[in-house]
């Protein structure tokens, strides 16, 4: 074990490995942020779609009510 620690390549390799790990963690965080933003955007689009569907249902009900009133008065 002592022989491995005295190897002159351990410190440069350790520093290189540490840099790779730091860069990988940064990339993973950035990817996770993008994923969360995509989920948020999708949820917002779903809510807008549901709102539009409800507006269309209300409009349809109004038209049916007007049609019913028109047929009763005729």
N, C-alpha and C. Protein backbone atom coordinates (compact mmCIF):
# COMPACT_ATOMS: atom_id res chain seq x y z
N UNK A 1 0.82 -1.19 0.00
CA UNK A 1 0.00 0.00 0.00
C UNK A 1 0.86 1.25 0.00
N UNK A 2 1.94 1.22 0.75
CA UNK A 2 2.83 2.38 0.82
C UNK A 2 3.51 2.59 -0.53
N UNK A 3 3.78 1.52 -1.24
CA UNK A 3 4.42 1.62 -2.54
C UNK A 3 3.52 2.32 -3.56
N UNK A 4 2.21 2.10 -3.47
CA UNK A 4 1.28 2.75 -4.40
C UNK A 4 1.22 4.25 -4.14
N UNK A 5 1.26 4.65 -2.87
CA UNK A 5 1.17 6.07 -2.53
C UNK A 5 2.44 6.82 -2.91
N UNK A 6 3.55 6.13 -3.01
CA UNK A 6 4.81 6.77 -3.39
C UNK A 6 4.96 6.91 -4.90
N UNK A 7 4.03 6.37 -5.64
CA UNK A 7 4.08 6.45 -7.10
C UNK A 7 3.87 7.91 -7.52
N UNK A 8 4.72 8.47 -8.37
CA UNK A 8 4.60 9.88 -8.75
C UNK A 8 3.39 10.18 -9.64
N UNK A 9 2.74 9.17 -10.16
CA UNK A 9 1.58 9.40 -11.03
C UNK A 9 0.27 9.53 -10.26
N UNK A 10 0.25 9.18 -8.98
CA UNK A 10 -1.00 9.18 -8.21
C UNK A 10 -1.60 10.57 -8.10
N UNK A 11 -0.81 11.57 -7.78
CA UNK A 11 -1.33 12.93 -7.58
C UNK A 11 -1.87 13.51 -8.90
N UNK A 12 -1.15 13.44 -10.00
CA UNK A 12 -1.72 13.97 -11.26
C UNK A 12 -2.97 13.20 -11.70
N UNK A 13 -2.98 11.88 -11.56
CA UNK A 13 -4.15 11.10 -11.93
C UNK A 13 -5.33 11.43 -11.02
N UNK A 14 -5.07 11.61 -9.74
CA UNK A 14 -6.12 11.98 -8.79
C UNK A 14 -6.71 13.34 -9.13
N UNK A 15 -5.85 14.30 -9.47
CA UNK A 15 -6.32 15.63 -9.84
C UNK A 15 -7.13 15.57 -11.13
N UNK A 16 -6.68 14.80 -12.09
CA UNK A 16 -7.38 14.64 -13.35
C UNK A 16 -8.75 14.00 -13.13
N UNK A 17 -8.78 12.97 -12.31
CA UNK A 17 -10.03 12.29 -11.99
C UNK A 17 -10.99 13.23 -11.27
N UNK A 18 -10.48 14.05 -10.38
CA UNK A 18 -11.31 15.00 -9.64
C UNK A 18 -11.94 16.01 -10.61
N UNK A 19 -11.17 16.48 -11.58
CA UNK A 19 -11.69 17.43 -12.57
C UNK A 19 -12.79 16.77 -13.40
N UNK A 20 -12.56 15.53 -13.80
CA UNK A 20 -13.57 14.80 -14.59
C UNK A 20 -14.86 14.65 -13.78
N UNK A 21 -14.74 14.32 -12.51
CA UNK A 21 -15.93 14.16 -11.66
C UNK A 21 -16.67 15.48 -11.51
N UNK A 22 -15.95 16.56 -11.31
CA UNK A 22 -16.58 17.89 -11.15
C UNK A 22 -17.32 18.27 -12.44
N UNK A 23 -16.70 18.06 -13.58
CA UNK A 23 -17.34 18.38 -14.86
C UNK A 23 -18.57 17.50 -15.07
N UNK A 24 -18.47 16.23 -14.74
CA UNK A 24 -19.61 15.32 -14.90
C UNK A 24 -20.77 15.73 -14.00
N UNK A 25 -20.47 16.12 -12.77
CA UNK A 25 -21.53 16.57 -11.86
C UNK A 25 -22.20 17.83 -12.39
N UNK A 26 -21.42 18.75 -12.92
CA UNK A 26 -21.99 19.97 -13.50
C UNK A 26 -22.89 19.66 -14.69
N UNK A 27 -22.45 18.74 -15.53
CA UNK A 27 -23.25 18.35 -16.70
C UNK A 27 -24.54 17.66 -16.27
N UNK A 28 -24.45 16.83 -15.24
CA UNK A 28 -25.65 16.14 -14.75
C UNK A 28 -26.64 17.15 -14.16
N UNK A 29 -26.13 18.14 -13.45
CA UNK A 29 -27.02 19.16 -12.88
C UNK A 29 -27.71 19.95 -13.98
N UNK A 30 -26.96 20.31 -15.00
CA UNK A 30 -27.52 21.07 -16.11
C UNK A 30 -28.58 20.24 -16.84
N UNK A 31 -28.31 18.95 -17.02
CA UNK A 31 -29.27 18.06 -17.67
C UNK A 31 -30.53 17.92 -16.82
N UNK A 32 -30.38 17.82 -15.52
CA UNK A 32 -31.53 17.70 -14.63
C UNK A 32 -32.36 18.99 -14.65
N UNK A 33 -31.70 20.14 -14.68
CA UNK A 33 -32.42 21.41 -14.77
C UNK A 33 -33.23 21.49 -16.06
N UNK A 34 -32.64 21.05 -17.15
CA UNK A 34 -33.37 21.04 -18.43
C UNK A 34 -34.57 20.10 -18.37
N UNK A 35 -34.38 18.95 -17.75
CA UNK A 35 -35.48 17.99 -17.62
C UNK A 35 -36.63 18.58 -16.79
N UNK A 36 -36.29 19.21 -15.68
CA UNK A 36 -37.32 19.83 -14.84
C UNK A 36 -38.04 20.94 -15.59
N UNK A 37 -37.31 21.74 -16.36
CA UNK A 37 -37.92 22.81 -17.14
C UNK A 37 -38.85 22.24 -18.20
N UNK A 38 -38.43 21.13 -18.83
CA UNK A 38 -39.28 20.50 -19.84
C UNK A 38 -40.57 19.99 -19.21
N UNK A 39 -40.48 19.39 -18.02
CA UNK A 39 -41.68 18.91 -17.33
C UNK A 39 -42.59 20.09 -16.97
N UNK A 40 -42.00 21.17 -16.52
CA UNK A 40 -42.78 22.35 -16.16
C UNK A 40 -43.49 22.92 -17.39
N UNK A 41 -42.77 23.03 -18.50
CA UNK A 41 -43.36 23.54 -19.73
C UNK A 41 -44.51 22.63 -20.20
N UNK A 42 -44.30 21.33 -20.11
CA UNK A 42 -45.34 20.38 -20.50
C UNK A 42 -46.58 20.53 -19.62
N UNK A 43 -46.38 20.69 -18.33
CA UNK A 43 -47.51 20.84 -17.41
C UNK A 43 -48.26 22.13 -17.70
N UNK A 44 -47.54 23.21 -18.01
CA UNK A 44 -48.20 24.47 -18.35
C UNK A 44 -49.02 24.31 -19.62
N UNK A 45 -48.46 23.63 -20.61
CA UNK A 45 -49.20 23.40 -21.86
C UNK A 45 -50.44 22.55 -21.62
N UNK A 46 -50.33 21.54 -20.75
CA UNK A 46 -51.48 20.70 -20.41
C UNK A 46 -52.58 21.53 -19.75
N UNK A 47 -52.19 22.40 -18.83
CA UNK A 47 -53.18 23.23 -18.14
C UNK A 47 -53.85 24.19 -19.12
N UNK A 48 -53.08 24.78 -20.04
CA UNK A 48 -53.67 25.66 -21.05
C UNK A 48 -54.65 24.89 -21.94
N UNK A 49 -54.28 23.68 -22.29
CA UNK A 49 -55.15 22.85 -23.13
C UNK A 49 -56.45 22.53 -22.40
N UNK A 50 -56.35 22.16 -21.11
CA UNK A 50 -57.55 21.89 -20.32
C UNK A 50 -58.44 23.13 -20.23
N UNK A 51 -57.84 24.29 -20.05
CA UNK A 51 -58.62 25.53 -19.98
C UNK A 51 -59.34 25.79 -21.30
N UNK A 52 -58.65 25.58 -22.42
CA UNK A 52 -59.28 25.78 -23.72
C UNK A 52 -60.43 24.80 -23.92
N UNK A 53 -60.24 23.55 -23.50
CA UNK A 53 -61.32 22.56 -23.63
C UNK A 53 -62.54 22.97 -22.81
N UNK A 54 -62.31 23.47 -21.60
CA UNK A 54 -63.42 23.92 -20.77
C UNK A 54 -64.13 25.11 -21.41
N UNK A 55 -63.36 26.04 -21.99
CA UNK A 55 -63.97 27.17 -22.68
C UNK A 55 -64.81 26.71 -23.86
N UNK A 56 -64.32 25.71 -24.60
CA UNK A 56 -65.09 25.17 -25.72
C UNK A 56 -66.36 24.48 -25.25
N UNK A 57 -66.28 23.75 -24.13
CA UNK A 57 -67.47 23.11 -23.58
C UNK A 57 -68.51 24.15 -23.17
N UNK A 58 -68.05 25.24 -22.57
CA UNK A 58 -68.97 26.31 -22.17
C UNK A 58 -69.61 26.93 -23.41
N UNK A 59 -68.81 27.18 -24.43
CA UNK A 59 -69.33 27.75 -25.68
C UNK A 59 -70.34 26.80 -26.32
N UNK A 60 -70.03 25.52 -26.30
CA UNK A 60 -70.95 24.52 -26.86
C UNK A 60 -72.27 24.51 -26.09
N UNK A 61 -72.20 24.57 -24.77
CA UNK A 61 -73.41 24.60 -23.96
C UNK A 61 -74.23 25.85 -24.26
N UNK A 62 -73.58 26.99 -24.44
CA UNK A 62 -74.29 28.23 -24.78
C UNK A 62 -75.00 28.09 -26.12
N UNK A 63 -74.31 27.52 -27.10
CA UNK A 63 -74.92 27.35 -28.42
C UNK A 63 -76.10 26.40 -28.36
N UNK A 64 -75.97 25.32 -27.62
CA UNK A 64 -77.09 24.38 -27.48
C UNK A 64 -78.27 25.03 -26.79
N UNK A 65 -77.99 25.86 -25.78
CA UNK A 65 -79.07 26.58 -25.09
C UNK A 65 -79.76 27.55 -26.04
N UNK A 66 -78.98 28.27 -26.85
CA UNK A 66 -79.57 29.18 -27.83
C UNK A 66 -80.38 28.42 -28.87
N UNK A 67 -79.87 27.28 -29.30
CA UNK A 67 -80.57 26.45 -30.29
C UNK A 67 -81.89 25.95 -29.70
N UNK A 68 -81.87 25.53 -28.44
CA UNK A 68 -83.08 25.06 -27.77
C UNK A 68 -84.09 26.19 -27.64
N UNK A 69 -83.64 27.38 -27.26
CA UNK A 69 -84.54 28.54 -27.14
C UNK A 69 -85.12 28.90 -28.49
N UNK A 70 -84.29 28.82 -29.54
CA UNK A 70 -84.76 29.18 -30.89
C UNK A 70 -85.79 28.17 -31.37
N UNK A 71 -85.59 26.91 -31.08
CA UNK A 71 -86.55 25.89 -31.55
C UNK A 71 -87.86 25.97 -30.77
N UNK A 72 -87.83 26.38 -29.50
CA UNK A 72 -89.05 26.53 -28.70
C UNK A 72 -89.85 27.75 -29.15
N UNK A 73 -89.16 28.82 -29.54
CA UNK A 73 -89.87 30.03 -29.93
C UNK A 73 -90.42 29.94 -31.34
N UNK A 74 -89.95 29.01 -32.12
CA UNK A 74 -90.40 28.88 -33.50
C UNK A 74 -91.59 28.01 -33.63
